[in-house]
C-alpha atoms as a PDB file:
ATOM      1  CA  MET A   1     -18.238   7.087 -87.230  1.00  0.00           C
ATOM      2  CA  PRO A   2     -19.313   3.367 -86.037  1.00  0.00           C
ATOM      3  CA  ARG A   3     -22.899   3.527 -85.104  1.00  0.00           C
ATOM      4  CA  LYS A   4     -23.561   2.467 -81.283  1.00  0.00           C
ATOM      5  CA  THR A   5     -24.087  -1.310 -80.865  1.00  0.00           C
ATOM      6  CA  ILE A   6     -26.523  -1.820 -77.295  1.00  0.00           C
ATOM      7  CA  LEU A   7     -28.320  -5.043 -76.230  1.00  0.00           C
ATOM      8  CA  GLU A   8     -32.082  -5.237 -76.118  1.00  0.00           C
ATOM      9  CA  SER A   9     -32.198  -4.692 -72.712  1.00  0.00           C
ATOM     10  CA  GLU A  10     -30.771  -1.465 -73.226  1.00  0.00           C
ATOM     11  CA  VAL A  11     -33.049  -0.065 -74.965  1.00  0.00           C
ATOM     12  CA  ASP A  12     -35.507   2.613 -73.502  1.00  0.00           C
ATOM     13  CA  GLU A  13     -38.342   5.619 -74.444  1.00  0.00           C
ATOM     14  CA  ASN A  14     -35.335   7.785 -75.302  1.00  0.00           C
ATOM     15  CA  THR A  15     -33.373   4.935 -77.771  1.00  0.00           C
ATOM     16  CA  PRO A  16     -34.194   6.512 -81.037  1.00  0.00           C
ATOM     17  CA  LEU A  17     -35.022   3.691 -83.537  1.00  0.00           C
ATOM     18  CA  THR A  18     -34.693   5.281 -86.998  1.00  0.00           C
ATOM     19  CA  GLY A  19     -32.112   7.363 -88.640  1.00  0.00           C
ATOM     20  CA  PRO A  20     -28.646   8.097 -88.633  1.00  0.00           C
ATOM     21  CA  ASP A  21     -28.352   7.712 -84.792  1.00  0.00           C
ATOM     22  CA  ALA A  22     -30.026   4.806 -84.471  1.00  0.00           C
ATOM     23  CA  PRO A  23     -28.081   1.638 -82.848  1.00  0.00           C
ATOM     24  CA  ILE A  24     -27.446  -1.718 -83.610  1.00  0.00           C
ATOM     25  CA  ILE A  25     -29.654  -3.698 -81.412  1.00  0.00           C
ATOM     26  CA  ILE A  26     -28.626  -6.763 -80.204  1.00  0.00           C
ATOM     27  CA  TYR A  27     -30.938  -9.458 -79.874  1.00  0.00           C
ATOM     28  CA  LYS A  28     -29.717 -12.090 -77.561  1.00  0.00           C
ATOM     29  CA  LYS A  29     -31.175 -15.556 -78.189  1.00  0.00           C
ATOM     30  CA  LYS A  30     -31.910 -17.680 -75.382  1.00  0.00           C
ATOM     31  CA  PRO A  31     -29.176 -19.398 -73.580  1.00  0.00           C
ATOM     32  CA  GLY A  32     -28.636 -23.313 -74.852  1.00  0.00           C
ATOM     33  CA  ILE A  33     -27.518 -26.004 -73.415  1.00  0.00           C
ATOM     34  CA  LEU A  34     -23.659 -25.645 -74.457  1.00  0.00           C
ATOM     35  CA  ASP A  35     -24.156 -21.739 -74.005  1.00  0.00           C
ATOM     36  CA  LYS A  36     -24.656 -22.447 -69.853  1.00  0.00           C
ATOM     37  CA  ALA A  37     -21.623 -24.870 -70.136  1.00  0.00           C
ATOM     38  CA  SER A  38     -19.482 -22.749 -71.713  1.00  0.00           C
ATOM     39  CA  MET A  39     -20.305 -19.976 -69.478  1.00  0.00           C
ATOM     40  CA  ALA A  40     -20.267 -22.512 -65.800  1.00  0.00           C
ATOM     41  CA  TRP A  41     -16.860 -23.686 -67.305  1.00  0.00           C
ATOM     42  CA  PHE A  42     -15.383 -19.773 -67.424  1.00  0.00           C
ATOM     43  CA  ASN A  43     -17.010 -18.300 -64.475  1.00  0.00           C
ATOM     44  CA  ILE A  44     -15.779 -21.517 -62.239  1.00  0.00           C
ATOM     45  CA  GLY A  45     -12.535 -20.680 -63.292  1.00  0.00           C
ATOM     46  CA  VAL A  46     -12.673 -17.107 -62.569  1.00  0.00           C
ATOM     47  CA  VAL A  47     -13.686 -18.114 -59.321  1.00  0.00           C
ATOM     48  CA  TRP A  48     -10.898 -20.137 -59.286  1.00  0.00           C
ATOM     49  CA  ALA A  49      -8.140 -17.324 -60.250  1.00  0.00           C
ATOM     50  CA  THR A  50      -9.588 -14.954 -57.906  1.00  0.00           C
ATOM     51  CA  VAL A  51      -9.108 -17.180 -55.078  1.00  0.00           C
ATOM     52  CA  THR A  52      -5.740 -18.297 -55.567  1.00  0.00           C
ATOM     53  CA  SER A  53      -4.613 -14.717 -56.316  1.00  0.00           C
ATOM     54  CA  TYR A  54      -6.310 -13.523 -53.196  1.00  0.00           C
ATOM     55  CA  ILE A  55      -4.891 -15.997 -51.397  1.00  0.00           C
ATOM     56  CA  VAL A  56      -1.204 -15.487 -52.851  1.00  0.00           C
ATOM     57  CA  ALA A  57      -1.684 -11.967 -52.134  1.00  0.00           C
ATOM     58  CA  VAL A  58      -2.706 -12.125 -48.029  1.00  0.00           C
ATOM     59  CA  ALA A  59       0.050 -14.554 -47.694  1.00  0.00           C
ATOM     60  CA  SER A  60       2.633 -12.341 -49.161  1.00  0.00           C
ATOM     61  CA  LEU A  61       1.608  -9.407 -46.395  1.00  0.00           C
ATOM     62  CA  ASN A  62       2.197  -6.887 -48.931  1.00  0.00           C
ATOM     63  CA  PRO A  63      -1.702  -5.179 -48.900  1.00  0.00           C
ATOM     64  CA  PHE A  64      -0.863  -4.922 -45.181  1.00  0.00           C
ATOM     65  CA  GLY A  65       2.430  -2.168 -46.224  1.00  0.00           C
ATOM     66  CA  ILE A  66       4.651  -4.339 -44.036  1.00  0.00           C
ATOM     67  CA  TRP A  67       7.397  -4.644 -46.548  1.00  0.00           C
ATOM     68  CA  PRO A  68      10.200  -2.146 -47.200  1.00  0.00           C
ATOM     69  CA  ALA A  69      10.597  -0.486 -51.152  1.00  0.00           C
ATOM     70  CA  PRO A  70      12.066  -1.820 -52.579  1.00  0.00           C
ATOM     71  CA  LEU A  71      11.467  -5.391 -51.144  1.00  0.00           C
ATOM     72  CA  ASP A  72       7.411  -4.557 -51.670  1.00  0.00           C
ATOM     73  CA  GLN A  73       8.248  -4.007 -55.346  1.00  0.00           C
ATOM     74  CA  LYS A  74       9.732  -7.754 -55.487  1.00  0.00           C
ATOM     75  CA  ILE A  75       7.094  -9.213 -54.160  1.00  0.00           C
ATOM     76  CA  ALA A  76       4.544  -7.142 -55.760  1.00  0.00           C
ATOM     77  CA  ASN A  77       6.398  -8.555 -59.015  1.00  0.00           C
ATOM     78  CA  LEU A  78       5.942 -12.552 -57.904  1.00  0.00           C
ATOM     79  CA  THR A  79       1.987 -11.404 -57.116  1.00  0.00           C
ATOM     80  CA  VAL A  80       1.505 -10.215 -60.184  1.00  0.00           C
ATOM     81  CA  MET A  81       3.193 -13.428 -62.377  1.00  0.00           C
ATOM     82  CA  SER A  82       0.723 -14.971 -60.498  1.00  0.00           C
ATOM     83  CA  LEU A  83      -2.235 -13.539 -61.582  1.00  0.00           C
ATOM     84  CA  SER A  84      -0.688 -14.554 -64.976  1.00  0.00           C
ATOM     85  CA  PHE A  85      -0.432 -17.704 -64.427  1.00  0.00           C
ATOM     86  CA  CYS A  86      -3.902 -18.119 -62.914  1.00  0.00           C
ATOM     87  CA  TYR A  87      -5.437 -16.531 -66.046  1.00  0.00           C
ATOM     88  CA  LYS A  88      -3.302 -17.902 -68.427  1.00  0.00           C
ATOM     89  CA  VAL A  89      -4.705 -21.260 -67.178  1.00  0.00           C
ATOM     90  CA  VAL A  90      -8.087 -20.654 -67.003  1.00  0.00           C
ATOM     91  CA  PHE A  91      -8.333 -19.219 -70.751  1.00  0.00           C
ATOM     92  CA  ALA A  92      -5.762 -22.494 -71.868  1.00  0.00           C
ATOM     93  CA  LEU A  93      -9.207 -24.502 -70.691  1.00  0.00           C
ATOM     94  CA  GLN A  94     -12.102 -22.915 -72.770  1.00  0.00           C
ATOM     95  CA  PRO A  95     -13.307 -25.712 -75.145  1.00  0.00           C
ATOM     96  CA  PHE A  96     -15.756 -22.972 -76.469  1.00  0.00           C
ATOM     97  CA  ILE A  97     -14.296 -19.822 -76.777  1.00  0.00           C
ATOM     98  CA  LYS A  98     -11.603 -19.073 -79.610  1.00  0.00           C
ATOM     99  CA  PHE A  99      -8.713 -16.808 -78.808  1.00  0.00           C
ATOM    100  CA  LYS A 100      -7.006 -15.024 -81.485  1.00  0.00           C
ATOM    101  CA  HIS A 101      -3.369 -13.381 -80.472  1.00  0.00           C
ATOM    102  CA  PHE A 102      -1.762 -10.973 -82.864  1.00  0.00           C
ATOM    103  CA  GLY A 103       1.453  -9.097 -82.295  1.00  0.00           C
ATOM    104  CA  ASP A 104       3.197 -11.459 -80.275  1.00  0.00           C
ATOM    105  CA  GLU A 105       6.620 -10.515 -81.457  1.00  0.00           C
ATOM    106  CA  ASN A 106       6.225  -7.093 -80.425  1.00  0.00           C
ATOM    107  CA  PHE A 107       6.581  -8.213 -76.676  1.00  0.00           C
ATOM    108  CA  ALA A 108      10.404  -8.996 -76.871  1.00  0.00           C
ATOM    109  CA  LYS A 109      10.467  -5.493 -77.938  1.00  0.00           C
ATOM    110  CA  VAL A 110       9.173  -3.773 -74.650  1.00  0.00           C
ATOM    111  CA  GLY A 111      11.732  -1.764 -73.369  1.00  0.00           C
ATOM    112  CA  ALA A 112      13.908  -1.627 -76.139  1.00  0.00           C
ATOM    113  CA  SER A 113      14.818   1.794 -75.678  1.00  0.00           C
ATOM    114  CA  GLY A 114      15.981   1.827 -71.708  1.00  0.00           C
ATOM    115  CA  LYS A 115      12.648   4.442 -71.554  1.00  0.00           C
ATOM    116  CA  PRO A 116       9.638   3.708 -69.222  1.00  0.00           C
ATOM    117  CA  VAL A 117       6.739   1.935 -70.387  1.00  0.00           C
ATOM    118  CA  ILE A 118       3.063   2.531 -70.647  1.00  0.00           C
ATOM    119  CA  ILE A 119       0.540   0.275 -72.176  1.00  0.00           C
ATOM    120  CA  ILE A 120      -3.036   1.307 -73.148  1.00  0.00           C
ATOM    121  CA  GLY A 121      -5.900  -0.183 -74.306  1.00  0.00           C
ATOM    122  CA  ASN A 122      -9.630  -0.087 -75.607  1.00  0.00           C
ATOM    123  CA  HIS A 123     -11.929  -1.000 -72.771  1.00  0.00           C
ATOM    124  CA  VAL A 124     -15.159  -2.923 -73.303  1.00  0.00           C
ATOM    125  CA  SER A 125     -15.150  -5.953 -71.074  1.00  0.00           C
ATOM    126  CA  PHE A 126     -13.735  -7.256 -67.797  1.00  0.00           C
ATOM    127  CA  LEU A 127     -12.197  -9.856 -69.412  1.00  0.00           C
ATOM    128  CA  ASP A 128      -9.609  -7.150 -71.103  1.00  0.00           C
ATOM    129  CA  THR A 129      -7.297  -7.202 -68.163  1.00  0.00           C
ATOM    130  CA  CYS A 130      -7.670 -10.783 -67.625  1.00  0.00           C
ATOM    131  CA  LEU A 131      -6.603 -11.711 -70.884  1.00  0.00           C
ATOM    132  CA  PHE A 132      -3.703  -9.192 -71.361  1.00  0.00           C
ATOM    133  CA  LEU A 133      -2.365 -10.743 -68.146  1.00  0.00           C
ATOM    134  CA  ALA A 134      -2.597 -13.812 -69.858  1.00  0.00           C
ATOM    135  CA  LYS A 135      -1.085 -12.759 -72.982  1.00  0.00           C
ATOM    136  CA  MET A 136       2.149 -11.493 -71.269  1.00  0.00           C
ATOM    137  CA  PRO A 137       5.472 -13.619 -70.923  1.00  0.00           C
ATOM    138  CA  LEU A 138       5.100 -13.998 -67.669  1.00  0.00           C
ATOM    139  CA  SER A 139       8.569 -12.302 -66.628  1.00  0.00           C
ATOM    140  CA  GLN A 140       7.001  -8.845 -68.800  1.00  0.00           C
ATOM    141  CA  ALA A 141       3.636  -9.149 -66.658  1.00  0.00           C
ATOM    142  CA  GLY A 142       5.582  -9.204 -63.184  1.00  0.00           C
ATOM    143  CA  PRO A 143       6.620  -5.570 -63.297  1.00  0.00           C
ATOM    144  CA  CYS A 144       3.327  -3.985 -64.733  1.00  0.00           C
ATOM    145  CA  ARG A 145       1.147  -2.087 -62.718  1.00  0.00           C
ATOM    146  CA  VAL A 146      -2.838  -0.755 -63.635  1.00  0.00           C
ATOM    147  CA  ILE A 147      -4.651   2.187 -62.980  1.00  0.00           C
ATOM    148  CA  TYR A 148      -7.874   1.943 -61.601  1.00  0.00           C
ATOM    149  CA  LYS A 149     -10.567   3.552 -60.592  1.00  0.00           C
ATOM    150  CA  GLN A 150     -11.218   3.422 -56.605  1.00  0.00           C
ATOM    151  CA  SER A 151     -14.217   2.571 -56.669  1.00  0.00           C
ATOM    152  CA  LEU A 152     -13.470  -0.522 -57.781  1.00  0.00           C
ATOM    153  CA  GLU A 153     -12.071  -1.995 -54.040  1.00  0.00           C
ATOM    154  CA  LYS A 154     -15.944  -2.589 -53.319  1.00  0.00           C
ATOM    155  CA  LEU A 155     -15.539  -5.395 -55.145  1.00  0.00           C
ATOM    156  CA  PRO A 156     -15.337  -8.802 -53.084  1.00  0.00           C
ATOM    157  CA  MET A 157     -11.136  -9.513 -52.648  1.00  0.00           C
ATOM    158  CA  PHE A 158     -10.060  -7.039 -55.481  1.00  0.00           C
ATOM    159  CA  GLN A 159      -8.724  -4.395 -52.874  1.00  0.00           C
ATOM    160  CA  LYS A 160      -6.588  -6.783 -51.357  1.00  0.00           C
ATOM    161  CA  ILE A 161      -4.956  -8.176 -54.916  1.00  0.00           C
ATOM    162  CA  ALA A 162      -4.963  -4.724 -56.187  1.00  0.00           C
ATOM    163  CA  HIS A 163      -2.707  -3.704 -52.623  1.00  0.00           C
ATOM    164  CA  ALA A 164      -0.651  -6.653 -53.451  1.00  0.00           C
ATOM    165  CA  CYS A 165       0.088  -5.861 -56.696  1.00  0.00           C
ATOM    166  CA  LYS A 166       1.193  -2.247 -55.947  1.00  0.00           C
ATOM    167  CA  ASN A 167      -1.600  -1.249 -58.380  1.00  0.00           C
ATOM    168  CA  VAL A 168      -2.098   2.688 -58.395  1.00  0.00           C
ATOM    169  CA  ALA A 169      -6.234   3.448 -57.444  1.00  0.00           C
ATOM    170  CA  ILE A 170      -7.395   6.872 -58.488  1.00  0.00           C
ATOM    171  CA  PRO A 171      -9.779   8.841 -56.087  1.00  0.00           C
ATOM    172  CA  PHE A 172     -12.443  10.528 -58.643  1.00  0.00           C
ATOM    173  CA  LYS A 173     -14.778  12.872 -57.596  1.00  0.00           C
ATOM    174  CA  ASN A 174     -17.284  11.004 -59.761  1.00  0.00           C
ATOM    175  CA  GLU A 175     -17.368   8.783 -62.497  1.00  0.00           C
ATOM    176  CA  THR A 176     -19.254  11.349 -64.809  1.00  0.00           C
ATOM    177  CA  ASP A 177     -16.342  13.138 -65.944  1.00  0.00           C
ATOM    178  CA  PHE A 178     -13.197  11.012 -64.568  1.00  0.00           C
ATOM    179  CA  SER A 179     -12.238  14.742 -62.437  1.00  0.00           C
ATOM    180  CA  VAL A 180      -9.860  13.560 -59.504  1.00  0.00           C
ATOM    181  CA  GLN A 181     -10.315  14.462 -56.064  1.00  0.00           C
ATOM    182  CA  GLU A 182      -7.860  17.227 -55.136  1.00  0.00           C
ATOM    183  CA  GLU A 183      -6.644  16.040 -51.800  1.00  0.00           C
ATOM    184  CA  GLY A 184      -5.559  12.134 -53.567  1.00  0.00           C
ATOM    185  CA  LYS A 185      -4.246  13.839 -56.964  1.00  0.00           C
ATOM    186  CA  LYS A 186      -0.560  15.039 -55.638  1.00  0.00           C
ATOM    187  CA  ALA A 187      -0.118  11.831 -54.172  1.00  0.00           C
ATOM    188  CA  VAL A 188      -0.735   9.889 -57.015  1.00  0.00           C
ATOM    189  CA  ASP A 189       0.581  11.956 -59.736  1.00  0.00           C
ATOM    190  CA  GLU A 190       4.024  11.566 -57.325  1.00  0.00           C
ATOM    191  CA  GLY A 191       3.492   7.659 -57.073  1.00  0.00           C
ATOM    192  CA  ILE A 192       3.238   6.682 -60.734  1.00  0.00           C
ATOM    193  CA  MET A 193       5.966   9.036 -62.020  1.00  0.00           C
ATOM    194  CA  ALA A 194       8.305   7.273 -59.354  1.00  0.00           C
ATOM    195  CA  ALA A 195       7.476   4.436 -60.146  1.00  0.00           C
ATOM    196  CA  LEU A 196       8.016   4.762 -64.086  1.00  0.00           C
ATOM    197  CA  ALA A 197      11.221   6.002 -63.398  1.00  0.00           C
ATOM    198  CA  ALA A 198      11.758   3.007 -61.480  1.00  0.00           C
ATOM    199  CA  GLY A 199      11.172   0.935 -64.610  1.00  0.00           C
ATOM    200  CA  ARG A 200       8.176  -0.360 -63.333  1.00  0.00           C
ATOM    201  CA  THR A 201       5.605  -0.549 -66.619  1.00  0.00           C
ATOM    202  CA  PHE A 202       1.913   0.842 -66.039  1.00  0.00           C
ATOM    203  CA  CYS A 203      -0.885  -0.377 -68.291  1.00  0.00           C
ATOM    204  CA  LEU A 204      -4.031   1.844 -68.504  1.00  0.00           C
ATOM    205  CA  TYR A 205      -7.238   1.850 -70.052  1.00  0.00           C
ATOM    206  CA  PRO A 206      -7.582   5.685 -71.132  1.00  0.00           C
ATOM    207  CA  GLU A 207     -11.049   6.221 -72.248  1.00  0.00           C
ATOM    208  CA  GLY A 208     -11.956   5.984 -68.297  1.00  0.00           C
ATOM    209  CA  GLY A 209     -14.736   3.395 -68.209  1.00  0.00           C
ATOM    210  CA  MET A 210     -16.192   0.437 -70.638  1.00  0.00           C
ATOM    211  CA  SER A 211     -16.889   1.803 -74.321  1.00  0.00           C
ATOM    212  CA  ASN A 212     -20.763   0.467 -74.776  1.00  0.00           C
ATOM    213  CA  ASN A 213     -19.752   0.240 -78.518  1.00  0.00           C
ATOM    214  CA  GLN A 214     -17.128  -2.561 -78.802  1.00  0.00           C
ATOM    215  CA  ARG A 215     -16.020  -1.370 -82.383  1.00  0.00           C
ATOM    216  CA  GLU A 216     -16.085   2.073 -81.277  1.00  0.00           C
ATOM    217  CA  VAL A 217     -12.971   3.688 -79.746  1.00  0.00           C
ATOM    218  CA  GLN A 218     -14.076   5.997 -77.322  1.00  0.00           C
ATOM    219  CA  SER A 219     -12.297   9.666 -76.496  1.00  0.00           C
ATOM    220  CA  PHE A 220      -9.456   9.076 -74.829  1.00  0.00           C
ATOM    221  CA  ARG A 221      -8.886  11.319 -71.414  1.00  0.00           C
ATOM    222  CA  HIS A 222      -5.923  13.381 -71.454  1.00  0.00           C
ATOM    223  CA  GLY A 223      -3.959  13.513 -68.072  1.00  0.00           C
ATOM    224  CA  SER A 224      -2.387  10.160 -68.276  1.00  0.00           C
ATOM    225  CA  PHE A 225      -0.584  11.225 -71.651  1.00  0.00           C
ATOM    226  CA  ALA A 226       1.118  14.028 -69.355  1.00  0.00           C
ATOM    227  CA  TYR A 227       3.802  10.921 -67.644  1.00  0.00           C
ATOM    228  CA  ALA A 228       4.477   9.959 -71.165  1.00  0.00           C
ATOM    229  CA  THR A 229       5.555  13.274 -72.320  1.00  0.00           C
ATOM    230  CA  LYS A 230       7.459  14.469 -69.294  1.00  0.00           C
ATOM    231  CA  LEU A 231       9.627  10.962 -69.349  1.00  0.00           C
ATOM    232  CA  ASP A 232       9.749  10.323 -72.387  1.00  0.00           C
ATOM    233  CA  CYS A 233       7.645   6.728 -72.399  1.00  0.00           C
ATOM    234  CA  GLU A 234       7.525   4.283 -74.815  1.00  0.00           C
ATOM    235  CA  LEU A 235       4.229   3.430 -75.589  1.00  0.00           C
ATOM    236  CA  TRP A 236       2.225   0.075 -76.848  1.00  0.00           C
ATOM    237  CA  GLY A 237      -0.760  -0.803 -77.906  1.00  0.00           C
ATOM    238  CA  PHE A 238      -3.423  -3.480 -76.527  1.00  0.00           C
ATOM    239  CA  ALA A 239      -6.916  -3.592 -78.934  1.00  0.00           C
ATOM    240  CA  HIS A 240      -9.332  -5.604 -78.484  1.00  0.00           C
ATOM    241  CA  ALA A 241     -11.794  -7.122 -80.281  1.00  0.00           C
ATOM    242  CA  GLY A 242     -15.021  -9.272 -79.443  1.00  0.00           C
ATOM    243  CA  HIS A 243     -14.605  -9.063 -76.132  1.00  0.00           C
ATOM    244  CA  ALA A 244     -17.908  -7.712 -75.506  1.00  0.00           C
ATOM    245  CA  ASP A 245     -19.448 -10.781 -76.971  1.00  0.00           C
ATOM    246  CA  MET A 246     -17.811 -13.174 -74.512  1.00  0.00           C
ATOM    247  CA  TRP A 247     -17.932 -11.026 -71.567  1.00  0.00           C
ATOM    248  CA  HIS A 248     -20.497  -8.104 -71.908  1.00  0.00           C
ATOM    249  CA  LYS A 249     -20.216  -5.628 -68.869  1.00  0.00           C
ATOM    250  CA  THR A 250     -23.887  -5.955 -68.165  1.00  0.00           C
ATOM    251  CA  GLY A 251     -23.572  -9.898 -67.629  1.00  0.00           C
ATOM    252  CA  ALA A 252     -21.351 -13.134 -67.201  1.00  0.00           C
ATOM    253  CA  GLY A 253     -19.257 -13.554 -68.883  1.00  0.00           C
ATOM    254  CA  GLY A 254     -18.148 -17.332 -70.619  1.00  0.00           C
ATOM    255  CA  ASN A 255     -20.547 -17.172 -73.568  1.00  0.00           C
ATOM    256  CA  PRO A 256     -19.138 -18.712 -77.210  1.00  0.00           C
ATOM    257  CA  SER A 257     -17.391 -16.823 -78.891  1.00  0.00           C
ATOM    258  CA  VAL A 258     -14.340 -15.507 -80.746  1.00  0.00           C
ATOM    259  CA  VAL A 259     -11.794 -13.135 -78.948  1.00  0.00           C
ATOM    260  CA  ALA A 260      -9.551 -11.363 -80.454  1.00  0.00           C
ATOM    261  CA  CYS A 261      -6.628  -8.943 -79.191  1.00  0.00           C
ATOM    262  CA  ASN A 262      -3.188  -7.333 -81.113  1.00  0.00           C
ATOM    263  CA  PHE A 263      -0.610  -6.245 -79.159  1.00  0.00           C
ATOM    264  CA  PHE A 264       1.392  -2.769 -81.670  1.00  0.00           C
ATOM    265  CA  PRO A 265       3.768  -0.544 -81.292  1.00  0.00           C
ATOM    266  CA  ILE A 266       2.943   3.139 -80.897  1.00  0.00           C
ATOM    267  CA  CYS A 267       6.028   5.088 -79.793  1.00  0.00           C
ATOM    268  CA  PRO A 268       8.842   2.157 -79.586  1.00  0.00           C
ATOM    269  CA  GLU A 269      10.930   4.895 -79.331  1.00  0.00           C
ATOM    270  CA  GLY A 270       9.689   7.208 -76.927  1.00  0.00           C
ATOM    271  CA  ALA A 271       6.552   9.772 -77.088  1.00  0.00           C
ATOM    272  CA  LYS A 272       8.710  12.696 -78.103  1.00  0.00           C
ATOM    273  CA  LYS A 273      10.209  11.329 -81.027  1.00  0.00           C
ATOM    274  CA  PHE A 274       6.807  10.333 -82.673  1.00  0.00           C
ATOM    275  CA  LEU A 275       5.697  14.216 -81.025  1.00  0.00           C
ATOM    276  CA  GLU A 276       8.553  15.531 -83.839  1.00  0.00           C
ATOM    277  CA  SER A 277       8.049  12.935 -86.623  1.00  0.00           C
ATOM    278  CA  LYS A 278       4.160  14.173 -86.451  1.00  0.00           C
ATOM    279  CA  LYS A 279       5.386  17.938 -86.540  1.00  0.00           C
ATOM    280  CA  MET A 280       4.247  18.648 -82.786  1.00  0.00           C
ATOM    281  CA  GLU A 281       5.744  19.910 -79.927  1.00  0.00           C
ATOM    282  CA  VAL A 282       7.331  17.613 -77.922  1.00  0.00           C
ATOM    283  CA  ASP A 283       5.191  18.154 -74.297  1.00  0.00           C
ATOM    284  CA  ASP A 284       1.331  17.943 -76.349  1.00  0.00           C
ATOM    285  CA  TYR A 285      -0.047  15.528 -74.454  1.00  0.00           C
ATOM    286  CA  LYS A 286      -3.572  16.603 -75.627  1.00  0.00           C
ATOM    287  CA  GLY A 287      -1.803  15.933 -79.232  1.00  0.00           C
ATOM    288  CA  LEU A 288      -0.456  12.581 -78.051  1.00  0.00           C
ATOM    289  CA  ALA A 289      -3.733  11.218 -76.700  1.00  0.00           C
ATOM    290  CA  LYS A 290      -5.330  11.929 -79.910  1.00  0.00           C
ATOM    291  CA  ALA A 291      -3.228  10.431 -81.998  1.00  0.00           C
ATOM    292  CA  CYS A 292      -3.157   7.542 -79.764  1.00  0.00           C
ATOM    293  CA  GLU A 293      -6.779   6.591 -80.148  1.00  0.00           C
ATOM    294  CA  ASP A 294      -6.874   7.639 -83.870  1.00  0.00           C
ATOM    295  CA  MET A 295      -4.641   4.274 -84.017  1.00  0.00           C
ATOM    296  CA  MET A 296      -6.373   2.185 -81.420  1.00  0.00           C
ATOM    297  CA  GLN A 297      -9.223   2.975 -83.585  1.00  0.00           C
ATOM    298  CA  LYS A 298      -7.501   1.768 -86.763  1.00  0.00           C
ATOM    299  CA  GLU A 299      -6.189  -1.216 -84.969  1.00  0.00           C
ATOM    300  CA  VAL A 300      -9.120  -2.550 -83.494  1.00  0.00           C
ATOM    301  CA  ASP A 301     -10.893  -2.027 -86.858  1.00  0.00           C
ATOM    302  CA  GLU A 302      -8.405  -4.076 -88.287  1.00  0.00           C
ATOM    303  CA  VAL A 303      -8.564  -7.044 -85.651  1.00  0.00           C
ATOM    304  CA  PHE A 304     -12.368  -7.290 -86.471  1.00  0.00           C
ATOM    305  CA  ASP A 305     -11.710  -7.303 -89.879  1.00  0.00           C
ATOM    306  CA  LYS A 306      -9.730 -10.256 -89.011  1.00  0.00           C
ATOM    307  CA  ILE A 307     -12.552 -12.372 -86.980  1.00  0.00           C
ATOM    308  CA  ASP A 308     -15.757 -11.435 -88.423  1.00  0.00           C
ATOM    309  CA  GLY A 309     -17.718 -14.124 -89.563  1.00  0.00           C
ATOM    310  CA  GLU A 310     -15.665 -16.622 -88.101  1.00  0.00           C
ATOM    311  CA  LYS A 311     -17.799 -18.835 -85.402  1.00  0.00           C
ATOM    312  CA  PRO A 312     -16.427 -20.347 -82.066  1.00  0.00           C
ATOM    313  CA  PRO A 313     -16.221 -23.834 -81.476  1.00  0.00           C
ATOM    314  CA  SER A 314     -18.501 -26.084 -79.784  1.00  0.00           C
ATOM    315  CA  GLY A 315     -16.378 -27.490 -77.548  1.00  0.00           C
ATOM    316  CA  LEU A 316     -18.677 -30.100 -76.421  1.00  0.00           C
ATOM    317  CA  LEU A 317     -16.307 -33.114 -77.617  1.00  0.00           C
ATOM    318  CA  HIS A 318     -12.612 -31.138 -75.497  1.00  0.00           C
ATOM    319  CA  LEU A 319     -14.687 -30.798 -72.511  1.00  0.00           C
ATOM    320  CA  SER A 320     -16.137 -34.026 -72.042  1.00  0.00           C
ATOM    321  CA  VAL A 321     -12.296 -35.617 -73.033  1.00  0.00           C
ATOM    322  CA  PHE A 322     -11.120 -32.932 -70.221  1.00  0.00           C
ATOM    323  CA  LEU A 323     -13.640 -33.918 -68.040  1.00  0.00           C
ATOM    324  CA  GLY A 324     -12.945 -37.515 -68.434  1.00  0.00           C
ATOM    325  CA  VAL A 325      -8.843 -37.256 -67.607  1.00  0.00           C
ATOM    326  CA  ALA A 326      -9.891 -35.540 -64.788  1.00  0.00           C
ATOM    327  CA  ALA A 327     -12.493 -37.868 -63.310  1.00  0.00           C
ATOM    328  CA  ALA A 328      -9.708 -40.175 -64.219  1.00  0.00           C
ATOM    329  CA  ALA A 329      -7.037 -38.457 -62.425  1.00  0.00           C
ATOM    330  CA  TYR A 330      -9.118 -38.081 -59.355  1.00  0.00           C
ATOM    331  CA  LYS A 331      -9.534 -41.702 -58.975  1.00  0.00           C
ATOM    332  CA  LEU A 332      -6.128 -42.956 -59.193  1.00  0.00           C
ATOM    333  CA  LEU A 333      -5.229 -40.275 -56.648  1.00  0.00           C
ATOM    334  CA  PHE A 334      -8.005 -40.059 -54.093  1.00  0.00           C
END
């Protein structure tokens, strides 16, 4: 079992400093001028992408529930595609961060069986969903819907964007055991099942929350995998590595770093065939969850093996050239 990784600021009187349970402590150096430039540039991009997506979401009128079905879902597809495009632009213009993608060839195979599709990922950073949307082809990003905890709607602009994209909020009783409020559970289940049956792709993080150790996949919550067994869904995985270095859950994003992701098949022919191949019952969603957790850990380990030891680009030259071109364009236009 990998040792837990924590920041120096997370160490307290209960943290074991010796023995097998002692975590790996990351002592962060004081940010230099390039670190600050990278973080400022990245966060400018995130703000631009968020505000642009918010304007598109509100302009679509989809958050207000005025469009009849299925028109509302078609508008949601366009909204998700605009969000995906914004993040493609943001990540393409990051000179201090090296992005490595693996498994891009698998996107063309998604949905080939004709069955509903669920995509799962390990969750270590706010970067995860942003980069996932940026990595997907626009045509495939459109029908994607995300399952998220309802408390995230307190974030600025998040609620309108999520409602415009027709994402599904889960009303947890609390965020310790991730039990769902009874009054909202039936509506959530019916909504997800109907959307999957109608051809939407659902993306979710079965861990329930962000892991404190980006190298260690937390236990998968079982409930979401019941949808996969009931509808015999395709399952695909998105393994992240290095995301917490670039955007740790306790701080701002944009740290110079190397981040990577791998898109890989889990059950491309459906959950039932996968379970049968493992000599398991076709409705064993708990067994499916455990098998997916083990596969995700294996993929995360392999992605880290590919990037460990790599250094992020300095990016100063690229940023200088870009700012020079932008300044020249501004003079010509204005």
